N, C-alpha and C. Protein backbone atom coordinates (compact mmCIF):
# COMPACT_ATOMS: atom_id res chain seq x y z
N UNK A 1 3.53 12.34 5.98
CA UNK A 1 4.53 11.52 6.64
C UNK A 1 5.13 10.51 5.68
N UNK A 2 5.85 9.57 6.24
CA UNK A 2 6.53 8.55 5.45
C UNK A 2 5.52 7.71 4.70
N UNK A 3 4.43 7.34 5.37
CA UNK A 3 3.43 6.51 4.69
C UNK A 3 2.85 7.21 3.48
N UNK A 4 2.55 8.49 3.62
CA UNK A 4 1.99 9.23 2.49
C UNK A 4 3.01 9.32 1.36
N UNK A 5 4.28 9.43 1.69
CA UNK A 5 5.31 9.53 0.66
C UNK A 5 5.46 8.23 -0.11
N UNK A 6 5.14 7.11 0.53
CA UNK A 6 5.29 5.81 -0.11
C UNK A 6 4.06 5.40 -0.90
N UNK A 7 2.94 6.00 -0.64
CA UNK A 7 1.70 5.61 -1.29
C UNK A 7 1.61 6.18 -2.69
N UNK A 8 1.00 5.43 -3.60
CA UNK A 8 0.79 5.95 -4.94
C UNK A 8 -0.13 7.16 -4.90
N UNK A 9 0.04 8.06 -5.81
CA UNK A 9 -0.78 9.26 -5.89
C UNK A 9 -2.25 8.88 -6.01
N UNK A 10 -3.09 9.57 -5.23
CA UNK A 10 -4.52 9.36 -5.31
C UNK A 10 -5.04 8.24 -4.43
N UNK A 11 -4.18 7.48 -3.76
CA UNK A 11 -4.64 6.42 -2.88
C UNK A 11 -4.95 7.00 -1.50
N UNK A 12 -5.86 6.35 -0.80
CA UNK A 12 -6.25 6.83 0.52
C UNK A 12 -5.31 6.29 1.58
N UNK A 13 -4.92 7.15 2.49
CA UNK A 13 -4.17 6.77 3.68
C UNK A 13 -4.79 7.54 4.83
N UNK A 14 -5.24 6.81 5.82
CA UNK A 14 -5.84 7.47 6.97
C UNK A 14 -7.02 8.35 6.59
N UNK A 15 -7.77 7.94 5.55
CA UNK A 15 -8.93 8.70 5.14
C UNK A 15 -8.63 9.88 4.24
N UNK A 16 -7.35 10.11 3.93
CA UNK A 16 -6.98 11.24 3.08
C UNK A 16 -6.38 10.74 1.78
N UNK A 17 -6.64 11.43 0.71
CA UNK A 17 -6.03 11.08 -0.57
C UNK A 17 -4.62 11.65 -0.61
N UNK A 18 -3.69 10.85 -1.14
CA UNK A 18 -2.33 11.34 -1.24
C UNK A 18 -2.19 12.19 -2.49
N UNK A 19 -1.27 13.11 -2.46
CA UNK A 19 -0.99 13.96 -3.61
C UNK A 19 0.39 13.61 -4.13
N UNK A 20 0.63 13.92 -5.36
CA UNK A 20 1.94 13.67 -5.93
C UNK A 20 2.98 14.52 -5.23
N UNK A 21 4.11 13.92 -4.93
CA UNK A 21 5.19 14.65 -4.26
C UNK A 21 5.81 15.67 -5.19
N UNK A 22 5.56 15.55 -6.49
CA UNK A 22 6.20 16.45 -7.44
C UNK A 22 5.23 17.45 -8.05
N UNK A 23 3.99 17.48 -7.59
CA UNK A 23 3.06 18.44 -8.14
C UNK A 23 3.58 19.85 -7.92
N UNK A 24 3.72 20.57 -8.98
CA UNK A 24 4.16 21.95 -8.89
C UNK A 24 5.66 22.11 -8.73
N UNK A 25 6.41 21.03 -8.51
CA UNK A 25 7.85 21.19 -8.33
C UNK A 25 8.50 21.52 -9.66
N UNK A 26 9.44 22.37 -9.60
CA UNK A 26 10.16 22.76 -10.81
C UNK A 26 9.43 23.80 -11.65
N UNK A 27 8.20 24.09 -11.32
CA UNK A 27 7.45 25.10 -12.06
C UNK A 27 7.76 26.46 -11.47
N UNK A 28 7.83 27.46 -12.29
CA UNK A 28 8.04 28.82 -11.81
C UNK A 28 6.69 29.51 -11.80
N UNK A 29 6.33 29.99 -10.61
CA UNK A 29 5.06 30.68 -10.49
C UNK A 29 3.87 29.77 -10.71
N UNK A 30 4.06 28.46 -10.54
CA UNK A 30 2.96 27.52 -10.68
C UNK A 30 2.59 27.22 -12.12
N UNK A 31 3.36 27.72 -13.10
CA UNK A 31 3.03 27.48 -14.50
C UNK A 31 3.58 26.14 -14.95
N UNK A 32 2.84 25.46 -15.78
CA UNK A 32 3.28 24.18 -16.30
C UNK A 32 4.15 24.39 -17.53
N UNK A 33 5.02 23.38 -17.75
CA UNK A 33 5.85 23.43 -18.96
C UNK A 33 4.95 23.23 -20.17
N UNK A 34 5.30 23.85 -21.29
CA UNK A 34 4.46 23.77 -22.47
C UNK A 34 5.18 23.15 -23.65
N UNK A 35 6.22 22.40 -23.41
CA UNK A 35 7.02 21.88 -24.51
C UNK A 35 6.31 20.77 -25.28
N UNK A 36 5.31 20.15 -24.66
CA UNK A 36 4.62 19.05 -25.33
C UNK A 36 5.31 17.72 -25.09
N UNK A 37 6.55 17.74 -24.71
CA UNK A 37 7.30 16.51 -24.42
C UNK A 37 7.37 16.31 -22.91
N UNK A 38 7.12 15.09 -22.42
CA UNK A 38 7.26 14.88 -20.99
C UNK A 38 8.73 14.89 -20.59
N UNK A 39 8.98 15.40 -19.40
CA UNK A 39 10.36 15.39 -18.91
C UNK A 39 10.71 13.97 -18.49
N UNK A 40 11.99 13.73 -18.27
CA UNK A 40 12.42 12.41 -17.82
C UNK A 40 11.76 12.09 -16.47
N UNK A 41 11.64 13.07 -15.60
CA UNK A 41 10.99 12.87 -14.31
C UNK A 41 9.53 12.48 -14.49
N UNK A 42 8.84 13.10 -15.48
CA UNK A 42 7.44 12.75 -15.75
C UNK A 42 7.32 11.29 -16.16
N UNK A 43 8.23 10.83 -17.00
CA UNK A 43 8.21 9.45 -17.47
C UNK A 43 8.48 8.49 -16.31
N UNK A 44 9.46 8.80 -15.49
CA UNK A 44 9.79 7.95 -14.34
C UNK A 44 8.62 7.89 -13.38
N UNK A 45 8.01 9.03 -13.08
CA UNK A 45 6.87 9.06 -12.16
C UNK A 45 5.70 8.25 -12.72
N UNK A 46 5.47 8.35 -14.03
CA UNK A 46 4.39 7.59 -14.65
C UNK A 46 4.65 6.09 -14.52
N UNK A 47 5.88 5.66 -14.76
CA UNK A 47 6.23 4.25 -14.61
C UNK A 47 6.05 3.80 -13.18
N UNK A 48 6.47 4.62 -12.23
CA UNK A 48 6.36 4.27 -10.81
C UNK A 48 4.90 4.17 -10.40
N UNK A 49 4.06 5.06 -10.89
CA UNK A 49 2.64 5.03 -10.56
C UNK A 49 2.01 3.76 -11.12
N UNK A 50 2.35 3.40 -12.33
CA UNK A 50 1.82 2.17 -12.93
C UNK A 50 2.24 0.94 -12.16
N UNK A 51 3.49 0.90 -11.73
CA UNK A 51 3.98 -0.23 -10.93
C UNK A 51 3.26 -0.28 -9.60
N UNK A 52 3.08 0.86 -8.97
CA UNK A 52 2.40 0.92 -7.67
C UNK A 52 0.95 0.46 -7.81
N UNK A 53 0.29 0.87 -8.89
CA UNK A 53 -1.10 0.45 -9.09
C UNK A 53 -1.17 -1.05 -9.30
N UNK A 54 -0.21 -1.62 -10.04
CA UNK A 54 -0.16 -3.06 -10.23
C UNK A 54 0.05 -3.79 -8.92
N UNK A 55 0.94 -3.25 -8.09
CA UNK A 55 1.20 -3.85 -6.78
C UNK A 55 -0.05 -3.76 -5.91
N UNK A 56 -0.75 -2.63 -5.96
CA UNK A 56 -1.96 -2.46 -5.16
C UNK A 56 -3.04 -3.44 -5.60
N UNK A 57 -3.18 -3.64 -6.90
CA UNK A 57 -4.17 -4.60 -7.40
C UNK A 57 -3.82 -6.01 -6.96
N UNK A 58 -2.55 -6.38 -7.04
CA UNK A 58 -2.10 -7.72 -6.62
C UNK A 58 -2.31 -7.90 -5.11
N UNK A 59 -1.97 -6.88 -4.34
CA UNK A 59 -2.15 -6.95 -2.89
C UNK A 59 -3.64 -7.10 -2.55
N UNK A 60 -4.51 -6.39 -3.26
CA UNK A 60 -5.94 -6.49 -3.02
C UNK A 60 -6.45 -7.89 -3.33
N UNK A 61 -5.93 -8.48 -4.40
CA UNK A 61 -6.33 -9.85 -4.75
C UNK A 61 -5.86 -10.84 -3.68
N UNK A 62 -4.63 -10.66 -3.20
CA UNK A 62 -4.12 -11.52 -2.13
C UNK A 62 -4.95 -11.37 -0.86
N UNK A 63 -5.34 -10.14 -0.55
CA UNK A 63 -6.17 -9.89 0.62
C UNK A 63 -7.51 -10.62 0.49
N UNK A 64 -8.11 -10.57 -0.70
CA UNK A 64 -9.37 -11.26 -0.93
C UNK A 64 -9.26 -12.76 -0.71
N UNK A 65 -8.17 -13.34 -1.22
CA UNK A 65 -7.94 -14.77 -1.03
C UNK A 65 -7.69 -15.09 0.44
N UNK A 66 -6.91 -14.24 1.10
CA UNK A 66 -6.62 -14.45 2.53
C UNK A 66 -7.91 -14.35 3.35
N UNK A 67 -8.78 -13.41 3.01
CA UNK A 67 -10.05 -13.28 3.72
C UNK A 67 -10.88 -14.56 3.61
N UNK A 68 -10.84 -15.19 2.43
CA UNK A 68 -11.54 -16.47 2.25
C UNK A 68 -10.93 -17.55 3.15
N UNK A 69 -9.61 -17.53 3.26
CA UNK A 69 -8.95 -18.51 4.12
C UNK A 69 -9.29 -18.29 5.59
N UNK A 70 -9.43 -17.02 5.99
CA UNK A 70 -9.85 -16.72 7.37
C UNK A 70 -11.24 -17.33 7.61
N UNK A 71 -12.15 -17.14 6.66
CA UNK A 71 -13.50 -17.67 6.80
C UNK A 71 -13.48 -19.21 6.89
N UNK A 72 -12.51 -19.83 6.21
CA UNK A 72 -12.37 -21.29 6.23
C UNK A 72 -11.52 -21.76 7.41
N UNK A 73 -11.09 -20.82 8.24
CA UNK A 73 -10.27 -21.08 9.42
C UNK A 73 -8.88 -21.65 9.08
N UNK A 74 -8.39 -21.31 7.88
CA UNK A 74 -7.01 -21.65 7.49
C UNK A 74 -6.14 -20.44 7.82
N UNK A 75 -5.85 -20.28 9.10
CA UNK A 75 -5.15 -19.09 9.57
C UNK A 75 -3.69 -19.05 9.11
N UNK A 76 -3.05 -20.20 9.00
CA UNK A 76 -1.66 -20.25 8.52
C UNK A 76 -1.59 -19.78 7.06
N UNK A 77 -2.49 -20.27 6.23
CA UNK A 77 -2.53 -19.84 4.83
C UNK A 77 -2.85 -18.36 4.69
N UNK A 78 -3.80 -17.89 5.51
CA UNK A 78 -4.17 -16.47 5.47
C UNK A 78 -2.99 -15.61 5.89
N UNK A 79 -2.29 -16.00 6.94
CA UNK A 79 -1.13 -15.23 7.40
C UNK A 79 -0.10 -15.10 6.28
N UNK A 80 0.13 -16.19 5.57
CA UNK A 80 1.10 -16.18 4.47
C UNK A 80 0.69 -15.21 3.37
N UNK A 81 -0.59 -15.23 2.99
CA UNK A 81 -1.06 -14.33 1.92
C UNK A 81 -1.05 -12.87 2.36
N UNK A 82 -1.43 -12.61 3.60
CA UNK A 82 -1.35 -11.22 4.10
C UNK A 82 0.10 -10.75 4.10
N UNK A 83 1.03 -11.63 4.45
CA UNK A 83 2.45 -11.26 4.46
C UNK A 83 2.91 -10.89 3.06
N UNK A 84 2.48 -11.66 2.07
CA UNK A 84 2.80 -11.34 0.67
C UNK A 84 2.23 -9.98 0.28
N UNK A 85 0.98 -9.74 0.66
CA UNK A 85 0.32 -8.48 0.32
C UNK A 85 1.01 -7.30 1.00
N UNK A 86 1.44 -7.48 2.24
CA UNK A 86 2.14 -6.42 2.97
C UNK A 86 3.45 -6.09 2.28
N UNK A 87 4.13 -7.09 1.75
CA UNK A 87 5.38 -6.84 1.04
C UNK A 87 5.14 -5.94 -0.19
N UNK A 88 3.98 -6.06 -0.80
CA UNK A 88 3.64 -5.25 -1.97
C UNK A 88 3.14 -3.86 -1.59
N UNK A 89 2.36 -3.77 -0.54
CA UNK A 89 1.73 -2.50 -0.13
C UNK A 89 1.78 -2.35 1.39
N UNK A 90 2.93 -2.00 1.92
CA UNK A 90 3.06 -1.91 3.37
C UNK A 90 2.28 -0.76 4.01
N UNK A 91 1.70 0.13 3.23
CA UNK A 91 0.96 1.26 3.80
C UNK A 91 -0.52 0.96 3.98
N UNK A 92 -0.99 -0.20 3.56
CA UNK A 92 -2.40 -0.55 3.69
C UNK A 92 -2.62 -1.17 5.07
N UNK A 93 -3.23 -0.38 5.95
CA UNK A 93 -3.39 -0.77 7.35
C UNK A 93 -4.21 -2.03 7.53
N UNK A 94 -5.22 -2.24 6.69
CA UNK A 94 -6.08 -3.42 6.82
C UNK A 94 -5.28 -4.71 6.66
N UNK A 95 -4.24 -4.69 5.87
CA UNK A 95 -3.42 -5.90 5.71
C UNK A 95 -2.74 -6.28 7.02
N UNK A 96 -2.23 -5.27 7.72
CA UNK A 96 -1.57 -5.50 9.00
C UNK A 96 -2.56 -6.00 10.04
N UNK A 97 -3.73 -5.38 10.12
CA UNK A 97 -4.70 -5.78 11.14
C UNK A 97 -5.30 -7.15 10.83
N UNK A 98 -5.49 -7.45 9.56
CA UNK A 98 -6.00 -8.76 9.19
C UNK A 98 -4.97 -9.85 9.51
N UNK A 99 -3.68 -9.53 9.25
CA UNK A 99 -2.65 -10.52 9.60
C UNK A 99 -2.59 -10.68 11.12
N UNK A 100 -2.81 -9.60 11.86
CA UNK A 100 -2.84 -9.70 13.32
C UNK A 100 -3.96 -10.65 13.75
N UNK A 101 -5.11 -10.58 13.09
CA UNK A 101 -6.21 -11.49 13.39
C UNK A 101 -5.79 -12.93 13.15
N UNK A 102 -5.17 -13.18 12.01
CA UNK A 102 -4.71 -14.54 11.71
C UNK A 102 -3.70 -15.01 12.76
N UNK A 103 -2.77 -14.14 13.12
CA UNK A 103 -1.76 -14.50 14.11
C UNK A 103 -2.36 -14.73 15.49
N UNK A 104 -3.39 -13.98 15.83
CA UNK A 104 -4.07 -14.20 17.11
C UNK A 104 -4.67 -15.60 17.14
N UNK A 105 -5.30 -15.99 16.04
CA UNK A 105 -5.89 -17.32 15.97
C UNK A 105 -4.83 -18.43 15.95
N UNK A 106 -3.61 -18.09 15.56
CA UNK A 106 -2.49 -19.04 15.61
C UNK A 106 -1.77 -18.99 16.95
N UNK A 107 -2.29 -18.17 17.85
CA UNK A 107 -1.72 -17.93 19.17
C UNK A 107 -0.31 -17.34 19.11
N UNK A 108 -0.03 -16.61 18.02
CA UNK A 108 1.22 -15.85 17.89
C UNK A 108 0.91 -14.42 18.34
N UNK A 109 0.78 -14.27 19.66
CA UNK A 109 0.35 -12.99 20.21
C UNK A 109 1.39 -11.89 20.03
N UNK A 110 2.67 -12.24 20.14
CA UNK A 110 3.72 -11.24 19.93
C UNK A 110 3.66 -10.70 18.49
N UNK A 111 3.47 -11.60 17.54
CA UNK A 111 3.36 -11.19 16.14
C UNK A 111 2.13 -10.33 15.89
N UNK A 112 1.03 -10.69 16.55
CA UNK A 112 -0.21 -9.93 16.39
C UNK A 112 -0.06 -8.52 16.95
N UNK A 113 0.57 -8.43 18.13
CA UNK A 113 0.79 -7.11 18.74
C UNK A 113 1.72 -6.27 17.86
N UNK A 114 2.77 -6.89 17.34
CA UNK A 114 3.71 -6.17 16.47
C UNK A 114 3.01 -5.61 15.23
N UNK A 115 2.10 -6.41 14.64
CA UNK A 115 1.35 -5.94 13.48
C UNK A 115 0.46 -4.76 13.84
N UNK A 116 -0.21 -4.84 14.98
CA UNK A 116 -1.07 -3.72 15.42
C UNK A 116 -0.25 -2.48 15.69
N UNK A 117 0.89 -2.63 16.32
CA UNK A 117 1.74 -1.47 16.60
C UNK A 117 2.25 -0.83 15.31
N UNK A 118 2.41 -1.61 14.27
CA UNK A 118 2.89 -1.09 12.99
C UNK A 118 1.95 -0.03 12.43
N UNK A 119 0.65 -0.19 12.66
CA UNK A 119 -0.31 0.75 12.09
C UNK A 119 -0.75 1.85 13.04
N UNK A 120 -0.24 1.84 14.26
CA UNK A 120 -0.60 2.89 15.21
C UNK A 120 0.20 4.14 14.96
């Protein structure tokens, strides 16, 4: 689906590892090119994967900090950090549900429900 298409290759979504959208594309009979030089598409995909991994690492760090704020009952700060993390990795369901928890504690029930519906 759309979420799998947006996730970096090899990341888990719904318990499944995503595959590259371009695996095997352009190959005839499943054979790989043997020129030794990467195609322009290979270079672009490599750059995109690196950027996605950097975003995932940053989102994970933000989630860790937000989790600490939840434990300290700083729900407004946690909500802000989860929002930042979601902007980086909108396919990570835990970010949405954790932000829903923060919003519930802020009595923003409409926002909490909207976050939960996002991952359903």
